[in-house]
Protein backbone atom coordinates (compact mmCIF):
# COMPACT_ATOMS: atom_id res chain seq x y z
CA MET A 1 -73.71 99.78 -37.73
CA ARG A 2 -71.48 102.81 -37.03
CA SER A 3 -71.35 102.02 -33.31
CA ILE A 4 -70.40 98.41 -34.10
CA ILE A 5 -67.56 99.57 -36.34
CA LYS A 6 -66.27 101.82 -33.54
CA ALA A 7 -66.46 98.89 -31.14
CA LEU A 8 -64.53 96.70 -33.55
CA ALA A 9 -61.84 99.36 -33.79
CA PHE A 10 -61.59 99.46 -30.01
CA ALA A 11 -61.37 95.67 -29.82
CA ALA A 12 -58.56 95.59 -32.35
CA SER A 13 -56.67 98.32 -30.48
CA LEU A 14 -56.42 96.12 -27.39
CA VAL A 15 -53.64 94.13 -29.02
CA ALA A 16 -51.61 97.11 -30.23
CA THR A 17 -49.37 97.37 -27.17
CA SER A 18 -48.47 93.67 -27.04
CA ALA A 19 -48.08 92.65 -30.69
CA ASN A 20 -45.91 94.15 -33.38
CA ALA A 21 -47.38 95.34 -36.65
CA GLU A 22 -46.70 92.07 -38.47
CA ASN A 23 -48.35 89.57 -36.10
CA ALA A 24 -52.12 89.50 -35.94
CA THR A 25 -55.37 87.61 -35.41
CA VAL A 26 -56.56 85.68 -38.48
CA VAL A 27 -60.22 86.04 -39.44
CA GLU A 28 -61.36 83.78 -42.29
CA LEU A 29 -64.64 84.59 -44.05
CA PHE A 30 -66.13 81.79 -46.15
CA THR A 31 -68.28 83.57 -48.71
CA SER A 32 -69.69 83.34 -52.23
CA GLN A 33 -70.81 85.65 -55.02
CA GLY A 34 -73.93 83.46 -55.28
CA CYS A 35 -74.99 83.85 -51.63
CA SER A 36 -77.65 86.50 -50.93
CA SER A 37 -76.77 86.57 -47.22
CA CYS A 38 -73.09 87.26 -47.85
CA PRO A 39 -72.82 90.95 -48.87
CA PRO A 40 -73.27 92.27 -45.29
CA ALA A 41 -70.52 89.89 -44.11
CA ASP A 42 -68.30 90.92 -47.05
CA ALA A 43 -68.74 94.55 -45.96
CA MET A 44 -68.00 93.68 -42.35
CA LEU A 45 -64.80 91.92 -43.39
CA THR A 46 -63.74 95.16 -45.08
CA ASP A 47 -64.25 97.02 -41.79
CA ILE A 48 -62.32 94.37 -39.86
CA ALA A 49 -59.49 94.37 -42.39
CA ASN A 50 -58.90 98.06 -41.73
CA GLN A 51 -58.28 97.49 -38.02
CA PRO A 52 -54.78 97.05 -36.57
CA GLY A 53 -53.87 93.62 -35.28
CA VAL A 54 -56.16 91.77 -37.70
CA ILE A 55 -55.49 89.72 -40.83
CA ALA A 56 -58.90 89.38 -42.50
CA LEU A 57 -59.11 86.92 -45.40
CA ALA A 58 -61.98 86.10 -47.77
CA LEU A 59 -62.15 82.50 -49.00
CA HIS A 60 -64.72 82.00 -51.75
CA VAL A 61 -66.40 78.58 -51.88
CA ASP A 62 -67.92 76.89 -54.90
CA TYR A 63 -70.96 75.02 -53.56
CA TRP A 64 -73.45 77.79 -54.45
CA ASP A 65 -72.46 77.87 -58.14
CA TYR A 66 -75.50 75.78 -59.06
CA LEU A 67 -77.82 78.71 -58.18
CA GLY A 68 -77.12 80.34 -61.54
CA TRP A 69 -73.90 82.30 -61.05
CA LYS A 70 -70.43 80.78 -61.04
CA ASP A 71 -68.12 82.45 -58.54
CA ASP A 72 -64.88 82.98 -60.45
CA LEU A 73 -63.02 83.66 -57.18
CA ALA A 74 -64.00 80.32 -55.65
CA SER A 75 -61.76 77.30 -55.21
CA PRO A 76 -62.60 73.70 -54.27
CA ALA A 77 -59.58 73.90 -51.96
CA PHE A 78 -61.31 76.59 -49.90
CA THR A 79 -64.50 74.51 -49.75
CA GLN A 80 -62.39 71.58 -48.51
CA ARG A 81 -60.75 73.81 -45.90
CA GLN A 82 -64.18 74.81 -44.59
CA HIS A 83 -65.25 71.15 -44.46
CA ARG A 84 -62.13 70.32 -42.44
CA TYR A 85 -63.04 73.02 -39.96
CA ALA A 86 -66.56 71.59 -39.74
CA ARG A 87 -65.26 68.09 -39.04
CA ALA A 88 -62.91 69.47 -36.38
CA ALA A 89 -65.93 71.12 -34.76
CA GLY A 90 -67.89 67.86 -34.87
CA THR A 91 -70.40 68.82 -37.54
CA ALA A 92 -70.97 67.95 -41.19
CA THR A 93 -72.62 71.30 -41.97
CA VAL A 94 -70.99 74.18 -43.83
CA TYR A 95 -72.61 77.50 -44.66
CA THR A 96 -72.00 81.03 -45.85
CA PRO A 97 -71.29 83.59 -44.60
CA GLN A 98 -69.13 81.98 -41.92
CA MET A 99 -66.29 83.68 -40.07
CA ILE A 100 -63.69 81.63 -38.22
CA PHE A 101 -61.47 83.39 -35.68
CA GLY A 102 -58.04 81.98 -35.01
CA GLY A 103 -59.04 78.62 -36.49
CA VAL A 104 -61.35 77.79 -33.56
CA ASP A 105 -64.36 80.11 -33.11
CA HIS A 106 -67.12 79.84 -35.72
CA VAL A 107 -69.79 82.55 -36.13
CA VAL A 108 -72.29 83.73 -38.73
CA GLY A 109 -70.30 86.44 -40.46
CA SER A 110 -73.17 88.92 -40.70
CA ARG A 111 -73.79 89.12 -36.91
CA PRO A 112 -71.78 92.15 -35.75
CA ASN A 113 -72.16 91.58 -32.00
CA GLU A 114 -70.78 88.04 -32.23
CA VAL A 115 -68.01 89.19 -34.55
CA MET A 116 -67.03 91.93 -32.08
CA THR A 117 -67.03 89.51 -29.14
CA HIS A 118 -64.70 87.05 -30.82
CA LEU A 119 -62.43 89.75 -32.19
CA MET A 120 -61.96 91.18 -28.69
CA LYS A 121 -61.29 87.70 -27.30
CA HIS A 122 -58.59 86.86 -29.82
CA ASN A 123 -56.97 90.29 -29.80
CA ALA A 124 -56.60 90.11 -26.03
CA ALA A 125 -54.87 86.71 -26.10
CA ARG A 126 -51.11 86.63 -25.66
CA ASP A 127 -48.84 85.78 -28.58
CA LEU A 128 -47.60 82.20 -28.43
CA ILE A 129 -45.08 82.67 -31.22
CA ASP A 130 -43.22 85.60 -32.72
CA ILE A 131 -42.93 85.60 -36.51
CA LYS A 132 -40.69 87.68 -38.78
CA LEU A 133 -40.96 87.72 -42.57
CA SER A 134 -38.70 89.11 -45.27
CA ARG A 135 -38.59 88.83 -49.03
CA ASN A 136 -35.70 88.93 -51.47
CA GLY A 137 -36.97 88.57 -55.02
CA ASN A 138 -38.79 85.25 -55.23
CA ASN A 139 -37.48 84.03 -51.87
CA LEU A 140 -39.61 84.37 -48.74
CA GLN A 141 -37.74 84.00 -45.44
CA ILE A 142 -39.81 82.85 -42.44
CA ASN A 143 -38.36 83.07 -38.94
CA ALA A 144 -40.28 82.26 -35.77
CA VAL A 145 -39.72 81.62 -32.08
CA ALA A 146 -42.18 79.88 -29.74
CA ASN A 147 -43.04 81.38 -26.37
CA GLY A 148 -43.23 78.45 -23.97
CA ILE A 149 -45.00 75.91 -26.19
CA SER A 150 -43.78 72.55 -27.47
CA ASP A 151 -45.60 71.18 -30.50
CA THR A 152 -45.30 70.35 -34.19
CA LEU A 153 -47.10 72.98 -36.24
CA THR A 154 -47.98 73.42 -39.91
CA VAL A 155 -46.50 76.37 -41.80
CA GLN A 156 -48.73 77.76 -44.57
CA VAL A 157 -48.26 80.55 -47.09
CA VAL A 158 -51.33 82.52 -48.19
CA ARG A 159 -51.54 84.93 -51.14
CA TYR A 160 -54.37 87.43 -51.57
CA ASP A 161 -55.61 90.38 -53.63
CA PRO A 162 -56.54 93.35 -51.42
CA LEU A 163 -59.56 94.47 -53.47
CA ILE A 164 -61.65 92.89 -56.21
CA SER A 165 -64.98 94.12 -57.56
CA ARG A 166 -67.56 92.01 -59.38
CA ASP A 167 -70.78 92.85 -61.25
CA ILE A 168 -73.15 89.96 -60.47
CA ARG A 169 -75.51 89.36 -63.39
CA ARG A 170 -77.38 86.21 -62.33
CA GLY A 171 -78.27 84.22 -59.25
CA GLU A 172 -79.30 85.48 -55.82
CA ASN A 173 -77.22 88.68 -56.05
CA ALA A 174 -78.20 89.56 -59.64
CA GLY A 175 -77.83 93.26 -60.38
CA LYS A 176 -75.40 93.99 -57.54
CA THR A 177 -71.84 95.23 -57.73
CA ILE A 178 -69.91 93.83 -54.76
CA ARG A 179 -66.44 94.79 -53.58
CA TYR A 180 -64.46 91.99 -51.96
CA THR A 181 -61.56 92.63 -49.59
CA ASN A 182 -58.43 90.47 -49.16
CA VAL A 183 -59.54 87.74 -51.55
CA VAL A 184 -57.41 84.63 -51.09
CA THR A 185 -56.00 83.16 -54.28
CA ASP A 186 -53.65 80.50 -52.86
CA TRP A 187 -53.29 78.71 -49.51
CA ASP A 188 -50.35 76.29 -49.49
CA THR A 189 -48.63 74.18 -46.85
CA VAL A 190 -44.86 74.71 -47.08
CA GLY A 191 -43.56 72.70 -44.12
CA GLU A 192 -43.71 71.58 -40.50
CA TRP A 193 -42.09 73.21 -37.49
CA ARG A 194 -41.07 71.56 -34.23
CA THR A 195 -41.32 74.52 -31.87
CA THR A 196 -38.60 73.37 -29.47
CA GLN A 197 -36.20 74.94 -31.98
CA PRO A 198 -36.44 78.36 -33.69
CA LEU A 199 -37.90 78.26 -37.18
CA ALA A 200 -35.76 79.38 -40.11
CA MET A 201 -37.42 78.45 -43.39
CA ARG A 202 -37.09 79.72 -46.94
CA THR A 203 -39.70 79.15 -49.62
CA SER A 204 -40.28 80.40 -53.15
CA ILE A 205 -43.02 82.86 -54.06
CA SER A 206 -43.69 84.94 -57.16
CA GLY A 207 -45.84 87.85 -58.23
CA ASN A 208 -47.00 90.93 -56.36
CA ARG A 209 -49.91 89.56 -54.32
CA HIS A 210 -49.75 90.17 -50.59
CA VAL A 211 -48.27 87.39 -48.44
CA VAL A 212 -49.48 85.94 -45.14
CA VAL A 213 -47.79 83.16 -43.21
CA VAL A 214 -50.16 81.14 -41.02
CA ILE A 215 -48.75 78.74 -38.42
CA GLN A 216 -51.45 76.34 -37.31
CA ASP A 217 -52.11 73.08 -35.50
CA GLY A 218 -52.60 71.02 -38.65
CA THR A 219 -54.79 72.70 -41.25
CA SER A 220 -58.05 72.84 -39.28
CA GLY A 221 -56.92 73.43 -35.71
CA PRO A 222 -56.06 76.56 -33.73
CA ILE A 223 -53.98 79.16 -35.54
CA ILE A 224 -51.04 79.72 -33.21
CA GLY A 225 -49.62 82.71 -35.05
CA ALA A 226 -49.71 84.64 -38.31
CA ALA A 227 -47.82 87.47 -39.95
CA ARG A 228 -48.28 89.52 -43.10
CA LEU A 229 -45.85 90.95 -45.63
CA ARG A 230 -47.21 93.66 -47.93
């Protein structure tokens, strides 16, 4: 595992010279407290989250709650997001742990070699949009410029908690204490952007949770750009 972590760090470093500290590759992990296969993927997401050029997000789904432990971090909205990705990929099947890179590449989240391959691929890709974020109180300012693309894209604001720990008392992970990294609490669409013009959008946010802006083709297509404000 140590060699894989080093390889992931190298893969993430490939983007450092071409992307600023705010813009990064989005990695979504669909996971659950009630999934016995998920803890290795949860740990891997922690390793990925510590690499430069990566925005790693954990989305907890609710369809394993019937196994005897209700995941209090899960949201039906995240389950629906995963189903939209599945339909976009031409399948009706969803599973955990699943990682999705840049909205397009789907892998089992506990397979380090596949994770490394896709992380290297996305980190090496050129930035199609440049995003800048700033916050003044409860106002979030989003500015973006497209680099040679013409499309209508969806602007989404994501909030997350950087670290949450849970003692699992029942279900498949009974007796384990699991630490979850970058746990998503909210994922909201705030507008559309026609990229032939620069984006200048202001939206309201509250609280101290970290903020990510994801600009995507719809809500289940390729993620064209993302930036984080901490």
